[in-house]
All heavy atoms as atom14 arrays in JSON, in Angstrom:
{
  "sequence": "SPLGRALVSALVRRNNAVVGLVRRVAGVAQMRHLGAEPVIGDVRRPE",
  "atom14_mask": [
    [1, 1, 1, 1, 1, 1, 0, 0, 0, 0, 0, 0, 0, 0],
    [1, 1, 1, 1, 1, 1, 1, 0, 0, 0, 0, 0, 0, 0],
    [1, 1, 1, 1, 1, 1, 1, 1, 0, 0, 0, 0, 0, 0],
    [1, 1, 1, 1, 0, 0, 0, 0, 0, 0, 0, 0, 0, 0],
    [1, 1, 1, 1, 1, 1, 1, 1, 1, 1, 1, 0, 0, 0],
    [1, 1, 1, 1, 1, 0, 0, 0, 0, 0, 0, 0, 0, 0],
    [1, 1, 1, 1, 1, 1, 1, 1, 0, 0, 0, 0, 0, 0],
    [1, 1, 1, 1, 1, 1, 1, 0, 0, 0, 0, 0, 0, 0],
    [1, 1, 1, 1, 1, 1, 0, 0, 0, 0, 0, 0, 0, 0],
    [1, 1, 1, 1, 1, 0, 0, 0, 0, 0, 0, 0, 0, 0],
    [1, 1, 1, 1, 1, 1, 1, 1, 0, 0, 0, 0, 0, 0],
    [1, 1, 1, 1, 1, 1, 1, 0, 0, 0, 0, 0, 0, 0],
    [1, 1, 1, 1, 1, 1, 1, 1, 1, 1, 1, 0, 0, 0],
    [1, 1, 1, 1, 1, 1, 1, 1, 1, 1, 1, 0, 0, 0],
    [1, 1, 1, 1, 1, 1, 1, 1, 0, 0, 0, 0, 0, 0],
    [1, 1, 1, 1, 1, 1, 1, 1, 0, 0, 0, 0, 0, 0],
    [1, 1, 1, 1, 1, 0, 0, 0, 0, 0, 0, 0, 0, 0],
    [1, 1, 1, 1, 1, 1, 1, 0, 0, 0, 0, 0, 0, 0],
    [1, 1, 1, 1, 1, 1, 1, 0, 0, 0, 0, 0, 0, 0],
    [1, 1, 1, 1, 0, 0, 0, 0, 0, 0, 0, 0, 0, 0],
    [1, 1, 1, 1, 1, 1, 1, 1, 0, 0, 0, 0, 0, 0],
    [1, 1, 1, 1, 1, 1, 1, 0, 0, 0, 0, 0, 0, 0],
    [1, 1, 1, 1, 1, 1, 1, 1, 1, 1, 1, 0, 0, 0],
    [1, 1, 1, 1, 1, 1, 1, 1, 1, 1, 1, 0, 0, 0],
    [1, 1, 1, 1, 1, 1, 1, 0, 0, 0, 0, 0, 0, 0],
    [1, 1, 1, 1, 1, 0, 0, 0, 0, 0, 0, 0, 0, 0],
    [1, 1, 1, 1, 0, 0, 0, 0, 0, 0, 0, 0, 0, 0],
    [1, 1, 1, 1, 1, 1, 1, 0, 0, 0, 0, 0, 0, 0],
    [1, 1, 1, 1, 1, 0, 0, 0, 0, 0, 0, 0, 0, 0],
    [1, 1, 1, 1, 1, 1, 1, 1, 1, 0, 0, 0, 0, 0],
    [1, 1, 1, 1, 1, 1, 1, 1, 0, 0, 0, 0, 0, 0],
    [1, 1, 1, 1, 1, 1, 1, 1, 1, 1, 1, 0, 0, 0],
    [1, 1, 1, 1, 1, 1, 1, 1, 1, 1, 0, 0, 0, 0],
    [1, 1, 1, 1, 1, 1, 1, 1, 0, 0, 0, 0, 0, 0],
    [1, 1, 1, 1, 0, 0, 0, 0, 0, 0, 0, 0, 0, 0],
    [1, 1, 1, 1, 1, 0, 0, 0, 0, 0, 0, 0, 0, 0],
    [1, 1, 1, 1, 1, 1, 1, 1, 1, 0, 0, 0, 0, 0],
    [1, 1, 1, 1, 1, 1, 1, 0, 0, 0, 0, 0, 0, 0],
    [1, 1, 1, 1, 1, 1, 1, 0, 0, 0, 0, 0, 0, 0],
    [1, 1, 1, 1, 1, 1, 1, 1, 0, 0, 0, 0, 0, 0],
    [1, 1, 1, 1, 0, 0, 0, 0, 0, 0, 0, 0, 0, 0],
    [1, 1, 1, 1, 1, 1, 1, 1, 0, 0, 0, 0, 0, 0],
    [1, 1, 1, 1, 1, 1, 1, 0, 0, 0, 0, 0, 0, 0],
    [1, 1, 1, 1, 1, 1, 1, 1, 1, 1, 1, 0, 0, 0],
    [1, 1, 1, 1, 1, 1, 1, 1, 1, 1, 1, 0, 0, 0],
    [1, 1, 1, 1, 1, 1, 1, 0, 0, 0, 0, 0, 0, 0],
    [1, 1, 1, 1, 1, 1, 1, 1, 1, 0, 0, 0, 0, 0]
  ],
  "atom14_positions": [
    [[-65.93, 55.7, 116.84], [-65.22, 55.01, 117.94], [-66.02, 55.19, 119.23], [-66.9, 56.05, 119.31], [-63.83, 55.62, 118.09], [-63.92, 56.93, 118.65], [0.0, 0.0, 0.0], [0.0, 0.0, 0.0], [0.0, 0.0, 0.0], [0.0, 0.0, 0.0], [0.0, 0.0, 0.0], [0.0, 0.0, 0.0], [0.0, 0.0, 0.0], [0.0, 0.0, 0.0]],
    [[-65.72, 54.41, 120.25], [-66.43, 54.6, 121.52], [-66.31, 56.04, 122.06], [-67.31, 56.64, 122.47], [-65.77, 53.59, 122.46], [-65.31, 52.49, 121.53], [-64.85, 53.22, 120.28], [0.0, 0.0, 0.0], [0.0, 0.0, 0.0], [0.0, 0.0, 0.0], [0.0, 0.0, 0.0], [0.0, 0.0, 0.0], [0.0, 0.0, 0.0], [0.0, 0.0, 0.0]],
    [[-65.11, 56.6, 122.03], [-64.93, 57.98, 122.47], [-65.67, 58.95, 121.55], [-66.33, 59.88, 122.0], [-63.44, 58.34, 122.54], [-63.11, 59.79, 122.92], [-63.68, 60.12, 124.3], [-61.6, 60.0, 122.88], [0.0, 0.0, 0.0], [0.0, 0.0, 0.0], [0.0, 0.0, 0.0], [0.0, 0.0, 0.0], [0.0, 0.0, 0.0], [0.0, 0.0, 0.0]],
    [[-65.57, 58.71, 120.24], [-66.25, 59.56, 119.27], [-67.75, 59.57, 119.45], [-68.4, 60.62, 119.42], [0.0, 0.0, 0.0], [0.0, 0.0, 0.0], [0.0, 0.0, 0.0], [0.0, 0.0, 0.0], [0.0, 0.0, 0.0], [0.0, 0.0, 0.0], [0.0, 0.0, 0.0], [0.0, 0.0, 0.0], [0.0, 0.0, 0.0], [0.0, 0.0, 0.0]],
    [[-68.34, 58.39, 119.64], [-69.8, 58.31, 119.83], [-70.23, 59.07, 121.09], [-71.24, 59.76, 121.09], [-70.25, 56.86, 119.89], [-70.15, 56.14, 118.55], [-70.84, 54.79, 118.54], [-70.52, 53.93, 119.67], [-69.52, 53.04, 119.69], [-68.74, 52.89, 118.63], [-69.32, 52.29, 120.75], [0.0, 0.0, 0.0], [0.0, 0.0, 0.0], [0.0, 0.0, 0.0]],
    [[-69.45, 58.95, 122.16], [-69.78, 59.67, 123.4], [-69.71, 61.18, 123.18], [-70.58, 61.93, 123.63], [-68.85, 59.24, 124.52], [0.0, 0.0, 0.0], [0.0, 0.0, 0.0], [0.0, 0.0, 0.0], [0.0, 0.0, 0.0], [0.0, 0.0, 0.0], [0.0, 0.0, 0.0], [0.0, 0.0, 0.0], [0.0, 0.0, 0.0], [0.0, 0.0, 0.0]],
    [[-68.68, 61.63, 122.47], [-68.53, 63.06, 122.2], [-69.64, 63.56, 121.28], [-70.25, 64.6, 121.55], [-67.16, 63.35, 121.58], [-66.93, 64.82, 121.18], [-67.0, 65.73, 122.39], [-65.61, 64.95, 120.45], [0.0, 0.0, 0.0], [0.0, 0.0, 0.0], [0.0, 0.0, 0.0], [0.0, 0.0, 0.0], [0.0, 0.0, 0.0], [0.0, 0.0, 0.0]],
    [[-69.91, 62.84, 120.2], [-70.97, 63.23, 119.27], [-72.3, 63.34, 120.01], [-73.03, 64.33, 119.86], [-71.08, 62.25, 118.08], [-72.36, 62.47, 117.29], [-69.86, 62.38, 117.17], [0.0, 0.0, 0.0], [0.0, 0.0, 0.0], [0.0, 0.0, 0.0], [0.0, 0.0, 0.0], [0.0, 0.0, 0.0], [0.0, 0.0, 0.0], [0.0, 0.0, 0.0]],
    [[-72.6, 62.37, 120.83], [-73.84, 62.38, 121.6], [-73.92, 63.61, 122.5], [-74.95, 64.29, 122.56], [-73.94, 61.09, 122.43], [-75.12, 61.07, 123.17], [0.0, 0.0, 0.0], [0.0, 0.0, 0.0], [0.0, 0.0, 0.0], [0.0, 0.0, 0.0], [0.0, 0.0, 0.0], [0.0, 0.0, 0.0], [0.0, 0.0, 0.0], [0.0, 0.0, 0.0]],
    [[-72.84, 63.91, 123.2], [-72.82, 65.08, 124.09], [-72.97, 66.38, 123.3], [-73.7, 67.29, 123.72], [-71.52, 65.1, 124.89], [0.0, 0.0, 0.0], [0.0, 0.0, 0.0], [0.0, 0.0, 0.0], [0.0, 0.0, 0.0], [0.0, 0.0, 0.0], [0.0, 0.0, 0.0], [0.0, 0.0, 0.0], [0.0, 0.0, 0.0], [0.0, 0.0, 0.0]],
    [[-72.31, 66.48, 122.16], [-72.41, 67.7, 121.34], [-73.82, 67.89, 120.8], [-74.35, 69.0, 120.79], [-71.39, 67.64, 120.19], [-69.93, 67.78, 120.58], [-69.02, 67.39, 119.42], [-69.62, 69.19, 121.07], [0.0, 0.0, 0.0], [0.0, 0.0, 0.0], [0.0, 0.0, 0.0], [0.0, 0.0, 0.0], [0.0, 0.0, 0.0], [0.0, 0.0, 0.0]],
    [[-74.44, 66.81, 120.35], [-75.81, 66.87, 119.82], [-76.78, 67.27, 120.93], [-77.67, 68.09, 120.71], [-76.21, 65.54, 119.16], [-77.7, 65.5, 118.86], [-75.4, 65.32, 117.88], [0.0, 0.0, 0.0], [0.0, 0.0, 0.0], [0.0, 0.0, 0.0], [0.0, 0.0, 0.0], [0.0, 0.0, 0.0], [0.0, 0.0, 0.0], [0.0, 0.0, 0.0]],
    [[-76.61, 66.71, 122.12], [-77.48, 67.07, 123.25], [-77.4, 68.56, 123.56], [-78.35, 69.13, 124.08], [-77.1, 66.27, 124.51], [-77.69, 64.88, 124.53], [-77.6, 64.24, 125.93], [-76.3, 64.37, 126.57], [-75.29, 63.51, 126.43], [-75.43, 62.45, 125.65], [-74.16, 63.7, 127.08], [0.0, 0.0, 0.0], [0.0, 0.0, 0.0], [0.0, 0.0, 0.0]],
    [[-76.29, 69.17, 123.23], [-76.11, 70.61, 123.47], [-76.51, 71.43, 122.23], [-76.12, 72.58, 122.1], [-74.68, 70.89, 123.88], [-74.37, 70.39, 125.28], [-72.89, 70.42, 125.59], [-72.6, 69.98, 126.94], [-72.57, 68.72, 127.36], [-72.84, 67.74, 126.53], [-72.28, 68.42, 128.6], [0.0, 0.0, 0.0], [0.0, 0.0, 0.0], [0.0, 0.0, 0.0]],
    [[-77.26, 70.81, 121.34], [-77.82, 71.46, 120.14], [-76.78, 71.89, 119.1], [-77.04, 72.79, 118.31], [-78.7, 72.65, 120.51], [-79.93, 72.22, 121.26], [-80.5, 71.17, 120.95], [-80.31, 72.98, 122.26], [0.0, 0.0, 0.0], [0.0, 0.0, 0.0], [0.0, 0.0, 0.0], [0.0, 0.0, 0.0], [0.0, 0.0, 0.0], [0.0, 0.0, 0.0]],
    [[-75.62, 71.26, 119.1], [-74.64, 71.53, 118.06], [-74.98, 70.71, 116.82], [-75.49, 69.6, 116.93], [-73.23, 71.17, 118.54], [-72.79, 72.07, 119.67], [-72.51, 73.24, 119.46], [-72.75, 71.53, 120.88], [0.0, 0.0, 0.0], [0.0, 0.0, 0.0], [0.0, 0.0, 0.0], [0.0, 0.0, 0.0], [0.0, 0.0, 0.0], [0.0, 0.0, 0.0]],
    [[-74.69, 71.25, 115.66], [-74.8, 70.51, 114.41], [-73.48, 69.77, 114.24], [-72.43, 70.4, 114.08], [-75.05, 71.46, 113.25], [0.0, 0.0, 0.0], [0.0, 0.0, 0.0], [0.0, 0.0, 0.0], [0.0, 0.0, 0.0], [0.0, 0.0, 0.0], [0.0, 0.0, 0.0], [0.0, 0.0, 0.0], [0.0, 0.0, 0.0], [0.0, 0.0, 0.0]],
    [[-73.52, 68.45, 114.28], [-72.29, 67.65, 114.28], [-72.14, 66.93, 112.95], [-73.08, 66.3, 112.46], [-72.29, 66.64, 115.44], [-71.02, 65.79, 115.41], [-72.43, 67.36, 116.78], [0.0, 0.0, 0.0], [0.0, 0.0, 0.0], [0.0, 0.0, 0.0], [0.0, 0.0, 0.0], [0.0, 0.0, 0.0], [0.0, 0.0, 0.0], [0.0, 0.0, 0.0]],
    [[-70.93, 67.01, 112.39], [-70.56, 66.25, 111.2], [-69.57, 65.2, 111.68], [-68.51, 65.54, 112.21], [-69.9, 67.16, 110.14], [-69.49, 66.35, 108.92], [-70.82, 68.31, 109.76], [0.0, 0.0, 0.0], [0.0, 0.0, 0.0], [0.0, 0.0, 0.0], [0.0, 0.0, 0.0], [0.0, 0.0, 0.0], [0.0, 0.0, 0.0], [0.0, 0.0, 0.0]],
    [[-69.93, 63.93, 111.53], [-69.08, 62.84, 112.02], [-68.38, 62.12, 110.89], [-69.02, 61.55, 110.01], [0.0, 0.0, 0.0], [0.0, 0.0, 0.0], [0.0, 0.0, 0.0], [0.0, 0.0, 0.0], [0.0, 0.0, 0.0], [0.0, 0.0, 0.0], [0.0, 0.0, 0.0], [0.0, 0.0, 0.0], [0.0, 0.0, 0.0], [0.0, 0.0, 0.0]],
    [[-67.05, 62.16, 110.89], [-66.25, 61.45, 109.89], [-66.1, 59.99, 110.32], [-65.63, 59.7, 111.42], [-64.88, 62.09, 109.75], [-63.97, 61.47, 108.69], [-64.51, 61.74, 107.29], [-62.55, 62.01, 108.81], [0.0, 0.0, 0.0], [0.0, 0.0, 0.0], [0.0, 0.0, 0.0], [0.0, 0.0, 0.0], [0.0, 0.0, 0.0], [0.0, 0.0, 0.0]],
    [[-66.55, 59.09, 109.46], [-66.47, 57.65, 109.71], [-65.79, 56.97, 108.53], [-65.84, 57.47, 107.41], [-67.86, 57.03, 109.96], [-68.5, 57.65, 111.2], [-68.78, 57.2, 108.78], [0.0, 0.0, 0.0], [0.0, 0.0, 0.0], [0.0, 0.0, 0.0], [0.0, 0.0, 0.0], [0.0, 0.0, 0.0], [0.0, 0.0, 0.0], [0.0, 0.0, 0.0]],
    [[-65.15, 55.83, 108.77], [-64.47, 55.1, 107.68], [-65.34, 54.04, 107.05], [-65.12, 53.64, 105.92], [-63.19, 54.43, 108.21], [-62.08, 55.4, 108.46], [-60.77, 54.71, 108.82], [-60.91, 53.75, 109.91], [-60.56, 52.46, 109.82], [-60.06, 51.98, 108.73], [-60.71, 51.66, 110.86], [0.0, 0.0, 0.0], [0.0, 0.0, 0.0], [0.0, 0.0, 0.0]],
    [[-66.3, 53.53, 107.8], [-67.09, 52.4, 107.32], [-68.57, 52.75, 107.22], [-69.07, 53.62, 107.94], [-66.92, 51.21, 108.26], [-65.49, 50.71, 108.32], [-65.39, 49.49, 109.25], [-64.02, 49.06, 109.36], [-63.21, 49.41, 110.35], [-63.63, 50.18, 111.32], [-61.96, 48.97, 110.38], [0.0, 0.0, 0.0], [0.0, 0.0, 0.0], [0.0, 0.0, 0.0]],
    [[-69.28, 52.01, 106.4], [-70.71, 52.22, 106.2], [-71.48, 52.05, 107.52], [-72.45, 52.77, 107.78], [-71.26, 51.27, 105.11], [-72.76, 51.37, 104.99], [-70.59, 51.58, 103.77], [0.0, 0.0, 0.0], [0.0, 0.0, 0.0], [0.0, 0.0, 0.0], [0.0, 0.0, 0.0], [0.0, 0.0, 0.0], [0.0, 0.0, 0.0], [0.0, 0.0, 0.0]],
    [[-71.03, 51.14, 108.38], [-71.71, 50.94, 109.67], [-71.72, 52.22, 110.5], [-72.65, 52.47, 111.26], [-71.03, 49.82, 110.45], [0.0, 0.0, 0.0], [0.0, 0.0, 0.0], [0.0, 0.0, 0.0], [0.0, 0.0, 0.0], [0.0, 0.0, 0.0], [0.0, 0.0, 0.0], [0.0, 0.0, 0.0], [0.0, 0.0, 0.0], [0.0, 0.0, 0.0]],
    [[-70.7, 53.03, 110.34], [-70.63, 54.29, 111.07], [-71.69, 55.29, 110.65], [-72.09, 56.16, 111.43], [0.0, 0.0, 0.0], [0.0, 0.0, 0.0], [0.0, 0.0, 0.0], [0.0, 0.0, 0.0], [0.0, 0.0, 0.0], [0.0, 0.0, 0.0], [0.0, 0.0, 0.0], [0.0, 0.0, 0.0], [0.0, 0.0, 0.0], [0.0, 0.0, 0.0]],
    [[-72.16, 55.18, 109.41], [-73.2, 56.08, 108.91], [-74.46, 55.93, 109.74], [-75.04, 56.91, 110.21], [-73.48, 55.82, 107.41], [-74.71, 56.58, 106.94], [-72.26, 56.19, 106.57], [0.0, 0.0, 0.0], [0.0, 0.0, 0.0], [0.0, 0.0, 0.0], [0.0, 0.0, 0.0], [0.0, 0.0, 0.0], [0.0, 0.0, 0.0], [0.0, 0.0, 0.0]],
    [[-74.89, 54.7, 109.96], [-76.09, 54.45, 110.76], [-75.89, 54.93, 112.2], [-76.81, 55.49, 112.8], [-76.45, 52.97, 110.74], [0.0, 0.0, 0.0], [0.0, 0.0, 0.0], [0.0, 0.0, 0.0], [0.0, 0.0, 0.0], [0.0, 0.0, 0.0], [0.0, 0.0, 0.0], [0.0, 0.0, 0.0], [0.0, 0.0, 0.0], [0.0, 0.0, 0.0]],
    [[-74.7, 54.73, 112.74], [-74.42, 55.19, 114.1], [-74.58, 56.71, 114.2], [-75.18, 57.22, 115.15], [-73.01, 54.79, 114.53], [-72.85, 53.32, 114.77], [-71.42, 52.95, 115.1], [-70.47, 53.65, 114.75], [-71.26, 51.83, 115.8], [0.0, 0.0, 0.0], [0.0, 0.0, 0.0], [0.0, 0.0, 0.0], [0.0, 0.0, 0.0], [0.0, 0.0, 0.0]],
    [[-74.02, 57.43, 113.22], [-74.1, 58.89, 113.25], [-75.54, 59.36, 113.12], [-75.98, 60.25, 113.85], [-73.25, 59.52, 112.13], [-71.75, 59.38, 112.33], [-71.15, 60.04, 113.9], [-70.98, 58.56, 114.89], [0.0, 0.0, 0.0], [0.0, 0.0, 0.0], [0.0, 0.0, 0.0], [0.0, 0.0, 0.0], [0.0, 0.0, 0.0], [0.0, 0.0, 0.0]],
    [[-76.28, 58.74, 112.22], [-77.69, 59.13, 112.06], [-78.47, 58.86, 113.34], [-79.3, 59.67, 113.74], [-78.3, 58.4, 110.87], [-77.78, 58.95, 109.56], [-78.5, 58.36, 108.37], [-77.97, 58.94, 107.14], [-77.71, 58.27, 106.04], [-77.96, 56.97, 105.98], [-77.23, 58.88, 104.98], [0.0, 0.0, 0.0], [0.0, 0.0, 0.0], [0.0, 0.0, 0.0]],
    [[-78.22, 57.73, 113.98], [-78.89, 57.38, 115.23], [-78.59, 58.42, 116.32], [-79.46, 58.73, 117.14], [-78.47, 55.98, 115.69], [-79.03, 55.59, 117.0], [-80.35, 55.23, 117.18], [-78.45, 55.52, 118.22], [-80.56, 54.96, 118.45], [-79.43, 55.12, 119.11], [0.0, 0.0, 0.0], [0.0, 0.0, 0.0], [0.0, 0.0, 0.0], [0.0, 0.0, 0.0]],
    [[-77.38, 58.96, 116.32], [-76.99, 59.96, 117.31], [-77.45, 61.37, 116.96], [-77.31, 62.29, 117.76], [-75.47, 59.94, 117.5], [-74.89, 58.67, 118.11], [-73.37, 58.71, 118.08], [-75.39, 58.49, 119.54], [0.0, 0.0, 0.0], [0.0, 0.0, 0.0], [0.0, 0.0, 0.0], [0.0, 0.0, 0.0], [0.0, 0.0, 0.0], [0.0, 0.0, 0.0]],
    [[-77.95, 61.54, 115.73], [-78.41, 62.87, 115.31], [-77.34, 63.7, 114.63], [-77.47, 64.92, 114.52], [0.0, 0.0, 0.0], [0.0, 0.0, 0.0], [0.0, 0.0, 0.0], [0.0, 0.0, 0.0], [0.0, 0.0, 0.0], [0.0, 0.0, 0.0], [0.0, 0.0, 0.0], [0.0, 0.0, 0.0], [0.0, 0.0, 0.0], [0.0, 0.0, 0.0]],
    [[-76.29, 63.05, 114.15], [-75.19, 63.75, 113.47], [-75.25, 63.49, 111.97], [-75.87, 62.52, 111.51], [-73.85, 63.28, 114.01], [0.0, 0.0, 0.0], [0.0, 0.0, 0.0], [0.0, 0.0, 0.0], [0.0, 0.0, 0.0], [0.0, 0.0, 0.0], [0.0, 0.0, 0.0], [0.0, 0.0, 0.0], [0.0, 0.0, 0.0], [0.0, 0.0, 0.0]],
    [[-74.61, 64.34, 111.21], [-74.48, 64.18, 109.76], [-73.27, 63.3, 109.49], [-72.15, 63.68, 109.82], [-74.29, 65.55, 109.11], [-74.01, 65.5, 107.65], [-73.63, 66.86, 107.08], [-73.97, 67.9, 107.69], [-72.97, 66.89, 106.02], [0.0, 0.0, 0.0], [0.0, 0.0, 0.0], [0.0, 0.0, 0.0], [0.0, 0.0, 0.0], [0.0, 0.0, 0.0]],
    [[-73.46, 62.12, 108.91], [-72.31, 61.24, 108.65], [-71.59, 61.61, 107.36], [-72.21, 62.01, 106.38], [-72.96, 59.86, 108.53], [-74.34, 60.14, 108.04], [-74.73, 61.48, 108.58], [0.0, 0.0, 0.0], [0.0, 0.0, 0.0], [0.0, 0.0, 0.0], [0.0, 0.0, 0.0], [0.0, 0.0, 0.0], [0.0, 0.0, 0.0], [0.0, 0.0, 0.0]],
    [[-70.28, 61.46, 107.4], [-69.44, 61.63, 106.22], [-68.47, 60.46, 106.2], [-67.75, 60.24, 107.18], [-68.66, 62.97, 106.25], [-67.67, 63.04, 105.1], [-69.6, 64.15, 106.22], [0.0, 0.0, 0.0], [0.0, 0.0, 0.0], [0.0, 0.0, 0.0], [0.0, 0.0, 0.0], [0.0, 0.0, 0.0], [0.0, 0.0, 0.0], [0.0, 0.0, 0.0]],
    [[-68.47, 59.7, 105.11], [-67.51, 58.6, 104.98], [-66.22, 59.17, 104.4], [-66.25, 59.88, 103.39], [-68.06, 57.49, 104.08], [-69.28, 56.84, 104.72], [-66.98, 56.43, 103.82], [-69.94, 55.76, 103.88], [0.0, 0.0, 0.0], [0.0, 0.0, 0.0], [0.0, 0.0, 0.0], [0.0, 0.0, 0.0], [0.0, 0.0, 0.0], [0.0, 0.0, 0.0]],
    [[-65.11, 58.86, 105.05], [-63.84, 59.36, 104.55], [-62.68, 58.78, 105.35], [-62.87, 57.98, 106.26], [0.0, 0.0, 0.0], [0.0, 0.0, 0.0], [0.0, 0.0, 0.0], [0.0, 0.0, 0.0], [0.0, 0.0, 0.0], [0.0, 0.0, 0.0], [0.0, 0.0, 0.0], [0.0, 0.0, 0.0], [0.0, 0.0, 0.0], [0.0, 0.0, 0.0]],
    [[-61.5, 59.2, 104.98], [-60.26, 58.71, 105.57], [-59.4, 59.92, 105.86], [-59.18, 60.76, 104.98], [-59.57, 57.77, 104.56], [-58.38, 57.06, 105.13], [-57.61, 57.68, 105.91], [-58.17, 55.89, 104.79], [0.0, 0.0, 0.0], [0.0, 0.0, 0.0], [0.0, 0.0, 0.0], [0.0, 0.0, 0.0], [0.0, 0.0, 0.0], [0.0, 0.0, 0.0]],
    [[-58.91, 60.03, 107.09], [-58.09, 61.19, 107.46], [-56.82, 61.3, 106.63], [-56.23, 62.37, 106.55], [-57.73, 61.19, 108.97], [-58.96, 61.36, 109.83], [-56.94, 59.96, 109.37], [0.0, 0.0, 0.0], [0.0, 0.0, 0.0], [0.0, 0.0, 0.0], [0.0, 0.0, 0.0], [0.0, 0.0, 0.0], [0.0, 0.0, 0.0], [0.0, 0.0, 0.0]],
    [[-56.42, 60.22, 105.97], [-55.23, 60.26, 105.12], [-55.52, 60.85, 103.75], [-54.59, 61.03, 102.96], [-54.66, 58.85, 104.95], [-54.19, 58.24, 106.27], [-53.81, 56.81, 106.12], [-55.01, 56.02, 105.88], [-55.04, 54.7, 105.8], [-53.91, 54.02, 105.91], [-56.16, 54.05, 105.61], [0.0, 0.0, 0.0], [0.0, 0.0, 0.0], [0.0, 0.0, 0.0]],
    [[-56.78, 61.16, 103.47], [-57.17, 61.69, 102.16], [-57.82, 63.06, 102.35], [-59.04, 63.15, 102.5], [-58.11, 60.72, 101.48], [-57.43, 59.41, 101.13], [-58.35, 58.51, 100.32], [-57.63, 57.47, 99.62], [-57.01, 56.44, 100.19], [-56.98, 56.33, 101.48], [-56.41, 55.52, 99.47], [0.0, 0.0, 0.0], [0.0, 0.0, 0.0], [0.0, 0.0, 0.0]],
    [[-57.01, 64.11, 102.33], [-57.54, 65.46, 102.6], [-58.65, 65.88, 101.64], [-59.54, 66.62, 102.02], [-56.33, 66.38, 102.49], [-55.23, 65.56, 101.93], [-55.58, 64.12, 102.09], [0.0, 0.0, 0.0], [0.0, 0.0, 0.0], [0.0, 0.0, 0.0], [0.0, 0.0, 0.0], [0.0, 0.0, 0.0], [0.0, 0.0, 0.0], [0.0, 0.0, 0.0]],
    [[-58.63, 65.36, 100.43], [-59.68, 65.72, 99.47], [-61.06, 65.25, 99.94], [-62.08, 65.82, 99.55], [-59.36, 65.19, 98.07], [-59.42, 63.68, 97.91], [-58.18, 62.9, 98.38], [-57.23, 63.52, 98.88], [-58.18, 61.67, 98.22], [0.0, 0.0, 0.0], [0.0, 0.0, 0.0], [0.0, 0.0, 0.0], [0.0, 0.0, 0.0], [0.0, 0.0, 0.0]]
  ]
}
């Protein structure tokens, strides 16, 4: 999300290892571009 991307970017700039939960494949590329580890998933599915 717009807020999520801004937060991920800020966390990565501070040398944190970030795991970004995304619902769609497009989010994977966004996370990689920001320097985060993408994970595809749905908050409604705890597994």
